[in-house]
ModelCIF file with pLDDT and N, C-alpha, C, O atoms, coordinates in Angstrom:
data_MODEL
#
_entry.id   MODEL 
#
_entity.id                         1 
_entity.type                       polymer 
_entity.pdbx_number_of_molecules   1 
#
_entity_poly.entity_id                      1 
_entity_poly.type                           'polypeptide(L)' 
_entity_poly.nstd_linkage                   no 
_entity_poly.nstd_monomer                   no 
_entity_poly.pdbx_seq_one_letter_code       
;(UNK)(UNK)(UNK)(UNK)(UNK)(UNK)(UNK)(UNK)(UNK)(UNK)(UNK)(UNK)(UNK)(UNK)(UNK)(UNK)
(UNK)(UNK)(UNK)(UNK)(UNK)(UNK)(UNK)(UNK)(UNK)(UNK)(UNK)(UNK)(UNK)(UNK)(UNK)(UNK)
(UNK)(UNK)(UNK)(UNK)(UNK)(UNK)(UNK)(UNK)(UNK)(UNK)(UNK)(UNK)(UNK)(UNK)(UNK)
;
_entity_poly.pdbx_seq_one_letter_code_can   XXXXXXXXXXXXXXXXXXXXXXXXXXXXXXXXXXXXXXXXXXXXXXX 
_entity_poly.pdbx_strand_id                 A 
#
loop_
_entity_poly_seq.entity_id 
_entity_poly_seq.num 
_entity_poly_seq.mon_id 
_entity_poly_seq.hetero 
1 1  UNK n 
1 2  UNK n 
1 3  UNK n 
1 4  UNK n 
1 5  UNK n 
1 6  UNK n 
1 7  UNK n 
1 8  UNK n 
1 9  UNK n 
1 10 UNK n 
1 11 UNK n 
1 12 UNK n 
1 13 UNK n 
1 14 UNK n 
1 15 UNK n 
1 16 UNK n 
1 17 UNK n 
1 18 UNK n 
1 19 UNK n 
1 20 UNK n 
1 21 UNK n 
1 22 UNK n 
1 23 UNK n 
1 24 UNK n 
1 25 UNK n 
1 26 UNK n 
1 27 UNK n 
1 28 UNK n 
1 29 UNK n 
1 30 UNK n 
1 31 UNK n 
1 32 UNK n 
1 33 UNK n 
1 34 UNK n 
1 35 UNK n 
1 36 UNK n 
1 37 UNK n 
1 38 UNK n 
1 39 UNK n 
1 40 UNK n 
1 41 UNK n 
1 42 UNK n 
1 43 UNK n 
1 44 UNK n 
1 45 UNK n 
1 46 UNK n 
1 47 UNK n 
#
_struct_asym.id          A 
_struct_asym.entity_id   1 
#
loop_
_ma_qa_metric.id 
_ma_qa_metric.mode 
_ma_qa_metric.name 
_ma_qa_metric.software_group_id 
_ma_qa_metric.type 
1 global pLDDT . pLDDT 
2 local  pLDDT . pLDDT 
#
_ma_qa_metric_global.metric_id      1 
_ma_qa_metric_global.metric_value   95.19 
_ma_qa_metric_global.model_id       1 
_ma_qa_metric_global.ordinal_id     1 
#
loop_
_ma_qa_metric_local.label_asym_id 
_ma_qa_metric_local.label_comp_id 
_ma_qa_metric_local.label_seq_id 
_ma_qa_metric_local.metric_id 
_ma_qa_metric_local.metric_value 
_ma_qa_metric_local.model_id 
_ma_qa_metric_local.ordinal_id 
A UNK 1  2 98.00 1 1  
A UNK 2  2 98.00 1 2  
A UNK 3  2 98.00 1 3  
A UNK 4  2 98.00 1 4  
A UNK 5  2 98.00 1 5  
A UNK 6  2 98.00 1 6  
A UNK 7  2 97.00 1 7  
A UNK 8  2 97.00 1 8  
A UNK 9  2 98.00 1 9  
A UNK 10 2 97.00 1 10 
A UNK 11 2 96.00 1 11 
A UNK 12 2 96.00 1 12 
A UNK 13 2 95.00 1 13 
A UNK 14 2 94.00 1 14 
A UNK 15 2 90.00 1 15 
A UNK 16 2 86.00 1 16 
A UNK 17 2 83.00 1 17 
A UNK 18 2 88.00 1 18 
A UNK 19 2 89.00 1 19 
A UNK 20 2 92.00 1 20 
A UNK 21 2 94.00 1 21 
A UNK 22 2 93.00 1 22 
A UNK 23 2 94.00 1 23 
A UNK 24 2 94.00 1 24 
A UNK 25 2 95.00 1 25 
A UNK 26 2 96.00 1 26 
A UNK 27 2 97.00 1 27 
A UNK 28 2 97.00 1 28 
A UNK 29 2 97.00 1 29 
A UNK 30 2 98.00 1 30 
A UNK 31 2 98.00 1 31 
A UNK 32 2 98.00 1 32 
A UNK 33 2 98.00 1 33 
A UNK 34 2 98.00 1 34 
A UNK 35 2 98.00 1 35 
A UNK 36 2 98.00 1 36 
A UNK 37 2 97.00 1 37 
A UNK 38 2 97.00 1 38 
A UNK 39 2 98.00 1 39 
A UNK 40 2 97.00 1 40 
A UNK 41 2 96.00 1 41 
A UNK 42 2 96.00 1 42 
A UNK 43 2 96.00 1 43 
A UNK 44 2 95.00 1 44 
A UNK 45 2 95.00 1 45 
A UNK 46 2 93.00 1 46 
A UNK 47 2 85.00 1 47 
#
loop_
_atom_site.group_PDB 
_atom_site.id 
_atom_site.type_symbol 
_atom_site.label_atom_id 
_atom_site.label_alt_id 
_atom_site.label_comp_id 
_atom_site.label_asym_id 
_atom_site.label_entity_id 
_atom_site.label_seq_id 
_atom_site.pdbx_PDB_ins_code 
_atom_site.Cartn_x 
_atom_site.Cartn_y 
_atom_site.Cartn_z 
_atom_site.occupancy 
_atom_site.B_iso_or_equiv 
_atom_site.pdbx_formal_charge 
_atom_site.auth_seq_id 
_atom_site.auth_comp_id 
_atom_site.auth_asym_id 
_atom_site.auth_atom_id 
_atom_site.pdbx_PDB_model_num 
ATOM 1   N N  . UNK A 1 1  ? 64.189 115.015 0.226   1.00 98.00 ? 1  UNK A N  1 
ATOM 2   C CA . UNK A 1 1  ? 65.560 115.280 0.658   1.00 98.00 ? 1  UNK A CA 1 
ATOM 3   C C  . UNK A 1 1  ? 66.147 116.476 -0.089  1.00 98.00 ? 1  UNK A C  1 
ATOM 4   O O  . UNK A 1 1  ? 66.891 117.265 0.493   1.00 98.00 ? 1  UNK A O  1 
ATOM 5   N N  . UNK A 1 2  ? 65.821 116.611 -1.359  1.00 98.00 ? 2  UNK A N  1 
ATOM 6   C CA . UNK A 1 2  ? 66.301 117.745 -2.160  1.00 98.00 ? 2  UNK A CA 1 
ATOM 7   C C  . UNK A 1 2  ? 65.650 119.041 -1.683  1.00 98.00 ? 2  UNK A C  1 
ATOM 8   O O  . UNK A 1 2  ? 66.307 120.080 -1.620  1.00 98.00 ? 2  UNK A O  1 
ATOM 9   N N  . UNK A 1 3  ? 64.361 118.982 -1.348  1.00 98.00 ? 3  UNK A N  1 
ATOM 10  C CA . UNK A 1 3  ? 63.661 120.175 -0.853  1.00 98.00 ? 3  UNK A CA 1 
ATOM 11  C C  . UNK A 1 3  ? 64.215 120.619 0.497   1.00 98.00 ? 3  UNK A C  1 
ATOM 12  O O  . UNK A 1 3  ? 64.397 121.813 0.736   1.00 98.00 ? 3  UNK A O  1 
ATOM 13  N N  . UNK A 1 4  ? 64.479 119.665 1.371   1.00 98.00 ? 4  UNK A N  1 
ATOM 14  C CA . UNK A 1 4  ? 65.017 120.000 2.692   1.00 98.00 ? 4  UNK A CA 1 
ATOM 15  C C  . UNK A 1 4  ? 66.424 120.578 2.561   1.00 98.00 ? 4  UNK A C  1 
ATOM 16  O O  . UNK A 1 4  ? 66.788 121.501 3.289   1.00 98.00 ? 4  UNK A O  1 
ATOM 17  N N  . UNK A 1 5  ? 67.212 120.037 1.635   1.00 98.00 ? 5  UNK A N  1 
ATOM 18  C CA . UNK A 1 5  ? 68.549 120.588 1.384   1.00 98.00 ? 5  UNK A CA 1 
ATOM 19  C C  . UNK A 1 5  ? 68.453 122.034 0.905   1.00 98.00 ? 5  UNK A C  1 
ATOM 20  O O  . UNK A 1 5  ? 69.253 122.884 1.297   1.00 98.00 ? 5  UNK A O  1 
ATOM 21  N N  . UNK A 1 6  ? 67.466 122.301 0.053   1.00 98.00 ? 6  UNK A N  1 
ATOM 22  C CA . UNK A 1 6  ? 67.256 123.674 -0.427  1.00 98.00 ? 6  UNK A CA 1 
ATOM 23  C C  . UNK A 1 6  ? 66.891 124.594 0.732   1.00 98.00 ? 6  UNK A C  1 
ATOM 24  O O  . UNK A 1 6  ? 67.415 125.704 0.834   1.00 98.00 ? 6  UNK A O  1 
ATOM 25  N N  . UNK A 1 7  ? 65.989 124.136 1.610   1.00 97.00 ? 7  UNK A N  1 
ATOM 26  C CA . UNK A 1 7  ? 65.557 124.952 2.752   1.00 97.00 ? 7  UNK A CA 1 
ATOM 27  C C  . UNK A 1 7  ? 66.722 125.247 3.690   1.00 97.00 ? 7  UNK A C  1 
ATOM 28  O O  . UNK A 1 7  ? 66.886 126.381 4.140   1.00 97.00 ? 7  UNK A O  1 
ATOM 29  N N  . UNK A 1 8  ? 67.527 124.236 3.985   1.00 97.00 ? 8  UNK A N  1 
ATOM 30  C CA . UNK A 1 8  ? 68.674 124.439 4.881   1.00 97.00 ? 8  UNK A CA 1 
ATOM 31  C C  . UNK A 1 8  ? 69.663 125.441 4.282   1.00 97.00 ? 8  UNK A C  1 
ATOM 32  O O  . UNK A 1 8  ? 70.219 126.275 4.996   1.00 97.00 ? 8  UNK A O  1 
ATOM 33  N N  . UNK A 1 9  ? 69.874 125.354 2.992   1.00 98.00 ? 9  UNK A N  1 
ATOM 34  C CA . UNK A 1 9  ? 70.818 126.258 2.331   1.00 98.00 ? 9  UNK A CA 1 
ATOM 35  C C  . UNK A 1 9  ? 70.313 127.688 2.360   1.00 98.00 ? 9  UNK A C  1 
ATOM 36  O O  . UNK A 1 9  ? 71.076 128.612 2.644   1.00 98.00 ? 9  UNK A O  1 
ATOM 37  N N  . UNK A 1 10 ? 69.037 127.878 2.070   1.00 97.00 ? 10 UNK A N  1 
ATOM 38  C CA . UNK A 1 10 ? 68.450 129.224 2.119   1.00 97.00 ? 10 UNK A CA 1 
ATOM 39  C C  . UNK A 1 10 ? 68.608 129.807 3.518   1.00 97.00 ? 10 UNK A C  1 
ATOM 40  O O  . UNK A 1 10 ? 68.971 130.973 3.671   1.00 97.00 ? 10 UNK A O  1 
ATOM 41  N N  . UNK A 1 11 ? 68.337 129.000 4.535   1.00 96.00 ? 11 UNK A N  1 
ATOM 42  C CA . UNK A 1 11 ? 68.428 129.465 5.925   1.00 96.00 ? 11 UNK A CA 1 
ATOM 43  C C  . UNK A 1 11 ? 69.835 129.941 6.269   1.00 96.00 ? 11 UNK A C  1 
ATOM 44  O O  . UNK A 1 11 ? 70.002 130.907 7.014   1.00 96.00 ? 11 UNK A O  1 
ATOM 45  N N  . UNK A 1 12 ? 70.844 129.265 5.730   1.00 96.00 ? 12 UNK A N  1 
ATOM 46  C CA . UNK A 1 12 ? 72.235 129.615 6.042   1.00 96.00 ? 12 UNK A CA 1 
ATOM 47  C C  . UNK A 1 12 ? 72.624 130.989 5.508   1.00 96.00 ? 12 UNK A C  1 
ATOM 48  O O  . UNK A 1 12 ? 73.539 131.623 6.034   1.00 96.00 ? 12 UNK A O  1 
ATOM 49  N N  . UNK A 1 13 ? 71.936 131.451 4.469   1.00 95.00 ? 13 UNK A N  1 
ATOM 50  C CA . UNK A 1 13 ? 72.277 132.739 3.857   1.00 95.00 ? 13 UNK A CA 1 
ATOM 51  C C  . UNK A 1 13 ? 71.512 133.908 4.480   1.00 95.00 ? 13 UNK A C  1 
ATOM 52  O O  . UNK A 1 13 ? 71.675 135.050 4.052   1.00 95.00 ? 13 UNK A O  1 
ATOM 53  N N  . UNK A 1 14 ? 70.694 133.637 5.468   1.00 94.00 ? 14 UNK A N  1 
ATOM 54  C CA . UNK A 1 14 ? 69.879 134.686 6.073   1.00 94.00 ? 14 UNK A CA 1 
ATOM 55  C C  . UNK A 1 14 ? 70.687 135.507 7.064   1.00 94.00 ? 14 UNK A C  1 
ATOM 56  O O  . UNK A 1 14 ? 71.425 134.953 7.880   1.00 94.00 ? 14 UNK A O  1 
ATOM 57  N N  . UNK A 1 15 ? 70.550 136.818 6.996   1.00 90.00 ? 15 UNK A N  1 
ATOM 58  C CA . UNK A 1 15 ? 71.231 137.703 7.941   1.00 90.00 ? 15 UNK A CA 1 
ATOM 59  C C  . UNK A 1 15 ? 70.604 137.557 9.317   1.00 90.00 ? 15 UNK A C  1 
ATOM 60  O O  . UNK A 1 15 ? 69.410 137.286 9.436   1.00 90.00 ? 15 UNK A O  1 
ATOM 61  N N  . UNK A 1 16 ? 71.420 137.738 10.366  1.00 86.00 ? 16 UNK A N  1 
ATOM 62  C CA . UNK A 1 16 ? 70.926 137.609 11.733  1.00 86.00 ? 16 UNK A CA 1 
ATOM 63  C C  . UNK A 1 16 ? 69.703 138.495 11.961  1.00 86.00 ? 16 UNK A C  1 
ATOM 64  O O  . UNK A 1 16 ? 69.710 139.686 11.650  1.00 86.00 ? 16 UNK A O  1 
ATOM 65  N N  . UNK A 1 17 ? 68.662 137.890 12.508  1.00 83.00 ? 17 UNK A N  1 
ATOM 66  C CA . UNK A 1 17 ? 67.441 138.628 12.806  1.00 83.00 ? 17 UNK A CA 1 
ATOM 67  C C  . UNK A 1 17 ? 66.386 138.527 11.730  1.00 83.00 ? 17 UNK A C  1 
ATOM 68  O O  . UNK A 1 17 ? 65.201 138.719 12.006  1.00 83.00 ? 17 UNK A O  1 
ATOM 69  N N  . UNK A 1 18 ? 66.797 138.226 10.491  1.00 88.00 ? 18 UNK A N  1 
ATOM 70  C CA . UNK A 1 18 ? 65.838 138.076 9.401   1.00 88.00 ? 18 UNK A CA 1 
ATOM 71  C C  . UNK A 1 18 ? 65.332 136.637 9.346   1.00 88.00 ? 18 UNK A C  1 
ATOM 72  O O  . UNK A 1 18 ? 65.917 135.739 9.952   1.00 88.00 ? 18 UNK A O  1 
ATOM 73  N N  . UNK A 1 19 ? 64.249 136.431 8.619   1.00 89.00 ? 19 UNK A N  1 
ATOM 74  C CA . UNK A 1 19 ? 63.708 135.082 8.461   1.00 89.00 ? 19 UNK A CA 1 
ATOM 75  C C  . UNK A 1 19 ? 64.229 134.411 7.201   1.00 89.00 ? 19 UNK A C  1 
ATOM 76  O O  . UNK A 1 19 ? 64.463 133.202 7.192   1.00 89.00 ? 19 UNK A O  1 
ATOM 77  N N  . UNK A 1 20 ? 64.416 135.191 6.130   1.00 92.00 ? 20 UNK A N  1 
ATOM 78  C CA . UNK A 1 20 ? 64.914 134.650 4.868   1.00 92.00 ? 20 UNK A CA 1 
ATOM 79  C C  . UNK A 1 20 ? 65.848 135.676 4.235   1.00 92.00 ? 20 UNK A C  1 
ATOM 80  O O  . UNK A 1 20 ? 65.779 136.859 4.569   1.00 92.00 ? 20 UNK A O  1 
ATOM 81  N N  . UNK A 1 21 ? 66.719 135.244 3.328   1.00 94.00 ? 21 UNK A N  1 
ATOM 82  C CA . UNK A 1 21 ? 67.631 136.188 2.665   1.00 94.00 ? 21 UNK A CA 1 
ATOM 83  C C  . UNK A 1 21 ? 66.950 136.959 1.543   1.00 94.00 ? 21 UNK A C  1 
ATOM 84  O O  . UNK A 1 21 ? 65.774 136.750 1.245   1.00 94.00 ? 21 UNK A O  1 
ATOM 85  N N  . UNK A 1 22 ? 67.708 137.844 0.933   1.00 93.00 ? 22 UNK A N  1 
ATOM 86  C CA . UNK A 1 22 ? 67.231 138.647 -0.189  1.00 93.00 ? 22 UNK A CA 1 
ATOM 87  C C  . UNK A 1 22 ? 67.008 137.753 -1.407  1.00 93.00 ? 22 UNK A C  1 
ATOM 88  O O  . UNK A 1 22 ? 67.899 137.001 -1.801  1.00 93.00 ? 22 UNK A O  1 
ATOM 89  N N  . UNK A 1 23 ? 65.825 137.837 -1.998  1.00 94.00 ? 23 UNK A N  1 
ATOM 90  C CA . UNK A 1 23 ? 65.493 137.033 -3.171  1.00 94.00 ? 23 UNK A CA 1 
ATOM 91  C C  . UNK A 1 23 ? 66.482 137.268 -4.307  1.00 94.00 ? 23 UNK A C  1 
ATOM 92  O O  . UNK A 1 23 ? 66.784 136.341 -5.059  1.00 94.00 ? 23 UNK A O  1 
ATOM 93  N N  . UNK A 1 24 ? 66.988 138.481 -4.444  1.00 94.00 ? 24 UNK A N  1 
ATOM 94  C CA . UNK A 1 24 ? 67.832 138.834 -5.580  1.00 94.00 ? 24 UNK A CA 1 
ATOM 95  C C  . UNK A 1 24 ? 69.302 138.496 -5.366  1.00 94.00 ? 24 UNK A C  1 
ATOM 96  O O  . UNK A 1 24 ? 70.134 138.796 -6.223  1.00 94.00 ? 24 UNK A O  1 
ATOM 97  N N  . UNK A 1 25 ? 69.635 137.874 -4.231  1.00 95.00 ? 25 UNK A N  1 
ATOM 98  C CA . UNK A 1 25 ? 71.010 137.449 -3.982  1.00 95.00 ? 25 UNK A CA 1 
ATOM 99  C C  . UNK A 1 25 ? 71.280 136.172 -4.784  1.00 95.00 ? 25 UNK A C  1 
ATOM 100 O O  . UNK A 1 25 ? 70.854 135.086 -4.391  1.00 95.00 ? 25 UNK A O  1 
ATOM 101 N N  . UNK A 1 26 ? 71.981 136.307 -5.897  1.00 96.00 ? 26 UNK A N  1 
ATOM 102 C CA . UNK A 1 26 ? 72.192 135.166 -6.787  1.00 96.00 ? 26 UNK A CA 1 
ATOM 103 C C  . UNK A 1 26 ? 73.044 134.079 -6.143  1.00 96.00 ? 26 UNK A C  1 
ATOM 104 O O  . UNK A 1 26 ? 72.956 132.912 -6.527  1.00 96.00 ? 26 UNK A O  1 
ATOM 105 N N  . UNK A 1 27 ? 73.864 134.452 -5.169  1.00 97.00 ? 27 UNK A N  1 
ATOM 106 C CA . UNK A 1 27 ? 74.674 133.446 -4.481  1.00 97.00 ? 27 UNK A CA 1 
ATOM 107 C C  . UNK A 1 27 ? 73.798 132.436 -3.743  1.00 97.00 ? 27 UNK A C  1 
ATOM 108 O O  . UNK A 1 27 ? 74.161 131.267 -3.615  1.00 97.00 ? 27 UNK A O  1 
ATOM 109 N N  . UNK A 1 28 ? 72.646 132.893 -3.261  1.00 97.00 ? 28 UNK A N  1 
ATOM 110 C CA . UNK A 1 28 ? 71.707 131.984 -2.598  1.00 97.00 ? 28 UNK A CA 1 
ATOM 111 C C  . UNK A 1 28 ? 71.246 130.905 -3.569  1.00 97.00 ? 28 UNK A C  1 
ATOM 112 O O  . UNK A 1 28 ? 71.283 129.718 -3.244  1.00 97.00 ? 28 UNK A O  1 
ATOM 113 N N  . UNK A 1 29 ? 70.812 131.311 -4.755  1.00 97.00 ? 29 UNK A N  1 
ATOM 114 C CA . UNK A 1 29 ? 70.272 130.372 -5.732  1.00 97.00 ? 29 UNK A CA 1 
ATOM 115 C C  . UNK A 1 29 ? 71.356 129.424 -6.256  1.00 97.00 ? 29 UNK A C  1 
ATOM 116 O O  . UNK A 1 29 ? 71.090 128.252 -6.525  1.00 97.00 ? 29 UNK A O  1 
ATOM 117 N N  . UNK A 1 30 ? 72.574 129.943 -6.396  1.00 98.00 ? 30 UNK A N  1 
ATOM 118 C CA . UNK A 1 30 ? 73.684 129.086 -6.822  1.00 98.00 ? 30 UNK A CA 1 
ATOM 119 C C  . UNK A 1 30 ? 73.977 128.025 -5.771  1.00 98.00 ? 30 UNK A C  1 
ATOM 120 O O  . UNK A 1 30 ? 74.211 126.862 -6.100  1.00 98.00 ? 30 UNK A O  1 
ATOM 121 N N  . UNK A 1 31 ? 73.964 128.430 -4.506  1.00 98.00 ? 31 UNK A N  1 
ATOM 122 C CA . UNK A 1 31 ? 74.243 127.484 -3.423  1.00 98.00 ? 31 UNK A CA 1 
ATOM 123 C C  . UNK A 1 31 ? 73.118 126.457 -3.296  1.00 98.00 ? 31 UNK A C  1 
ATOM 124 O O  . UNK A 1 31 ? 73.376 125.277 -3.058  1.00 98.00 ? 31 UNK A O  1 
ATOM 125 N N  . UNK A 1 32 ? 71.875 126.905 -3.455  1.00 98.00 ? 32 UNK A N  1 
ATOM 126 C CA . UNK A 1 32 ? 70.742 125.978 -3.412  1.00 98.00 ? 32 UNK A CA 1 
ATOM 127 C C  . UNK A 1 32 ? 70.878 124.949 -4.528  1.00 98.00 ? 32 UNK A C  1 
ATOM 128 O O  . UNK A 1 32 ? 70.683 123.755 -4.302  1.00 98.00 ? 32 UNK A O  1 
ATOM 129 N N  . UNK A 1 33 ? 71.211 125.406 -5.725  1.00 98.00 ? 33 UNK A N  1 
ATOM 130 C CA . UNK A 1 33 ? 71.364 124.493 -6.858  1.00 98.00 ? 33 UNK A CA 1 
ATOM 131 C C  . UNK A 1 33 ? 72.432 123.440 -6.582  1.00 98.00 ? 33 UNK A C  1 
ATOM 132 O O  . UNK A 1 33 ? 72.239 122.260 -6.874  1.00 98.00 ? 33 UNK A O  1 
ATOM 133 N N  . UNK A 1 34 ? 73.532 123.861 -6.031  1.00 98.00 ? 34 UNK A N  1 
ATOM 134 C CA . UNK A 1 34 ? 74.624 122.923 -5.733  1.00 98.00 ? 34 UNK A CA 1 
ATOM 135 C C  . UNK A 1 34 ? 74.182 121.891 -4.696  1.00 98.00 ? 34 UNK A C  1 
ATOM 136 O O  . UNK A 1 34 ? 74.438 120.696 -4.849  1.00 98.00 ? 34 UNK A O  1 
ATOM 137 N N  . UNK A 1 35 ? 73.511 122.364 -3.633  1.00 98.00 ? 35 UNK A N  1 
ATOM 138 C CA . UNK A 1 35 ? 73.058 121.448 -2.578  1.00 98.00 ? 35 UNK A CA 1 
ATOM 139 C C  . UNK A 1 35 ? 72.039 120.454 -3.111  1.00 98.00 ? 35 UNK A C  1 
ATOM 140 O O  . UNK A 1 35 ? 72.094 119.269 -2.781  1.00 98.00 ? 35 UNK A O  1 
ATOM 141 N N  . UNK A 1 36 ? 71.110 120.930 -3.933  1.00 98.00 ? 36 UNK A N  1 
ATOM 142 C CA . UNK A 1 36 ? 70.072 120.067 -4.501  1.00 98.00 ? 36 UNK A CA 1 
ATOM 143 C C  . UNK A 1 36 ? 70.694 119.029 -5.438  1.00 98.00 ? 36 UNK A C  1 
ATOM 144 O O  . UNK A 1 36 ? 70.321 117.856 -5.411  1.00 98.00 ? 36 UNK A O  1 
ATOM 145 N N  . UNK A 1 37 ? 71.633 119.467 -6.255  1.00 97.00 ? 37 UNK A N  1 
ATOM 146 C CA . UNK A 1 37 ? 72.301 118.540 -7.177  1.00 97.00 ? 37 UNK A CA 1 
ATOM 147 C C  . UNK A 1 37 ? 73.020 117.433 -6.408  1.00 97.00 ? 37 UNK A C  1 
ATOM 148 O O  . UNK A 1 37 ? 72.933 116.260 -6.773  1.00 97.00 ? 37 UNK A O  1 
ATOM 149 N N  . UNK A 1 38 ? 73.725 117.806 -5.352  1.00 97.00 ? 38 UNK A N  1 
ATOM 150 C CA . UNK A 1 38 ? 74.461 116.818 -4.554  1.00 97.00 ? 38 UNK A CA 1 
ATOM 151 C C  . UNK A 1 38 ? 73.522 115.787 -3.924  1.00 97.00 ? 38 UNK A C  1 
ATOM 152 O O  . UNK A 1 38 ? 73.814 114.591 -3.920  1.00 97.00 ? 38 UNK A O  1 
ATOM 153 N N  . UNK A 1 39 ? 72.406 116.258 -3.398  1.00 98.00 ? 39 UNK A N  1 
ATOM 154 C CA . UNK A 1 39 ? 71.455 115.337 -2.765  1.00 98.00 ? 39 UNK A CA 1 
ATOM 155 C C  . UNK A 1 39 ? 70.777 114.453 -3.812  1.00 98.00 ? 39 UNK A C  1 
ATOM 156 O O  . UNK A 1 39 ? 70.496 113.283 -3.551  1.00 98.00 ? 39 UNK A O  1 
ATOM 157 N N  . UNK A 1 40 ? 70.519 115.009 -4.987  1.00 97.00 ? 40 UNK A N  1 
ATOM 158 C CA . UNK A 1 40 ? 69.932 114.194 -6.061  1.00 97.00 ? 40 UNK A CA 1 
ATOM 159 C C  . UNK A 1 40 ? 70.851 113.028 -6.411  1.00 97.00 ? 40 UNK A C  1 
ATOM 160 O O  . UNK A 1 40 ? 70.392 111.903 -6.608  1.00 97.00 ? 40 UNK A O  1 
ATOM 161 N N  . UNK A 1 41 ? 72.141 113.302 -6.485  1.00 96.00 ? 41 UNK A N  1 
ATOM 162 C CA . UNK A 1 41 ? 73.111 112.251 -6.795  1.00 96.00 ? 41 UNK A CA 1 
ATOM 163 C C  . UNK A 1 41 ? 73.180 111.227 -5.666  1.00 96.00 ? 41 UNK A C  1 
ATOM 164 O O  . UNK A 1 41 ? 73.257 110.024 -5.914  1.00 96.00 ? 41 UNK A O  1 
ATOM 165 N N  . UNK A 1 42 ? 73.152 111.716 -4.417  1.00 96.00 ? 42 UNK A N  1 
ATOM 166 C CA . UNK A 1 42 ? 73.251 110.818 -3.263  1.00 96.00 ? 42 UNK A CA 1 
ATOM 167 C C  . UNK A 1 42 ? 72.025 109.927 -3.122  1.00 96.00 ? 42 UNK A C  1 
ATOM 168 O O  . UNK A 1 42 ? 72.136 108.774 -2.705  1.00 96.00 ? 42 UNK A O  1 
ATOM 169 N N  . UNK A 1 43 ? 70.861 110.458 -3.468  1.00 96.00 ? 43 UNK A N  1 
ATOM 170 C CA . UNK A 1 43 ? 69.619 109.703 -3.271  1.00 96.00 ? 43 UNK A CA 1 
ATOM 171 C C  . UNK A 1 43 ? 69.224 108.900 -4.507  1.00 96.00 ? 43 UNK A C  1 
ATOM 172 O O  . UNK A 1 43 ? 68.192 108.229 -4.505  1.00 96.00 ? 43 UNK A O  1 
ATOM 173 N N  . UNK A 1 44 ? 70.029 108.964 -5.555  1.00 95.00 ? 44 UNK A N  1 
ATOM 174 C CA . UNK A 1 44 ? 69.832 108.088 -6.702  1.00 95.00 ? 44 UNK A CA 1 
ATOM 175 C C  . UNK A 1 44 ? 68.627 108.368 -7.558  1.00 95.00 ? 44 UNK A C  1 
ATOM 176 O O  . UNK A 1 44 ? 68.036 107.432 -8.096  1.00 95.00 ? 44 UNK A O  1 
ATOM 177 N N  . UNK A 1 45 ? 68.229 109.645 -7.712  1.00 95.00 ? 45 UNK A N  1 
ATOM 178 C CA . UNK A 1 45 ? 67.063 109.955 -8.546  1.00 95.00 ? 45 UNK A CA 1 
ATOM 179 C C  . UNK A 1 45 ? 67.476 110.548 -9.888  1.00 95.00 ? 45 UNK A C  1 
ATOM 180 O O  . UNK A 1 45 ? 66.678 111.215 -10.547 1.00 95.00 ? 45 UNK A O  1 
ATOM 181 N N  . UNK A 1 46 ? 68.714 110.309 -10.290 1.00 93.00 ? 46 UNK A N  1 
ATOM 182 C CA . UNK A 1 46 ? 69.216 110.890 -11.533 1.00 93.00 ? 46 UNK A CA 1 
ATOM 183 C C  . UNK A 1 46 ? 69.077 109.910 -12.686 1.00 93.00 ? 46 UNK A C  1 
ATOM 184 O O  . UNK A 1 46 ? 68.993 108.699 -12.482 1.00 93.00 ? 46 UNK A O  1 
ATOM 185 N N  . UNK A 1 47 ? 69.055 110.446 -13.896 1.00 85.00 ? 47 UNK A N  1 
ATOM 186 C CA . UNK A 1 47 ? 69.055 109.620 -15.099 1.00 85.00 ? 47 UNK A CA 1 
ATOM 187 C C  . UNK A 1 47 ? 70.495 109.188 -15.389 1.00 85.00 ? 47 UNK A C  1 
ATOM 188 O O  . UNK A 1 47 ? 70.742 108.479 -16.364 1.00 85.00 ? 47 UNK A O  1 
#
């Protein structure tokens, strides 16, 4: 669930016509981290 959340978030940051966004766009990684953290909490895999 965390991996799928990461994939969906990456896809949302992609410019029209491209397959994936720019690797160096730090906003992508920040958004992925937030989505993954939220799903981790929802799915109960936290310490």
